Amino acid sequence: MGRPENSERLQGIEMIYLESNKKMQVLMMNQDCDPVFARVDNLLALLNKSKSLHILLVLSLKDGPMRFSSIKRHVNSSSTTVTRRLGELEESGLVERAVQPTTPSFVAYSLTEEARLLAPSIQSMYDWVVKCDPKAVV
């Protein structure tokens, strides 16, 4: 059985267009999602969480390890939120946590190389919003 004339194949997704009430409805069939899309979705979900981008920005601007209390002060958030976000960012490979062997010991956080590679993409999104969103306040 062949494809209907009003369908097309696009990156592993067969799309069939149906006209209804002067608008197009798209039915997705045979969906073979690229696993990279799922990882991008997970990354965007993490970055969308409260204070995640702010923590990454603060660590990027510092360009070196920072203590928890300094990060908390810079992002102006609760200890609970900062602790959760740092744990999630560490788990995702964007932040490194290191216990400093001093007396008394303390924990310092810094960006991983992967997070540094992500910075231009985040900056690009920021620039796009400033350029294209009339509600953006700079």
Foldseek 3Di string as FASTA:
>chain_A
DDDDPQWDADPQWIWHWDDDPNDTDTDTDRDDDDVVVVVVVVVVVLCPDPCLVVLLVVQVVVVDWDFLVVSCVSSVDDSVRSVVSQVVCVVNQQKDWDWAPDVVIGIIIHGDVVNVVCVVVVVVVVVCCVVPPPPDDD
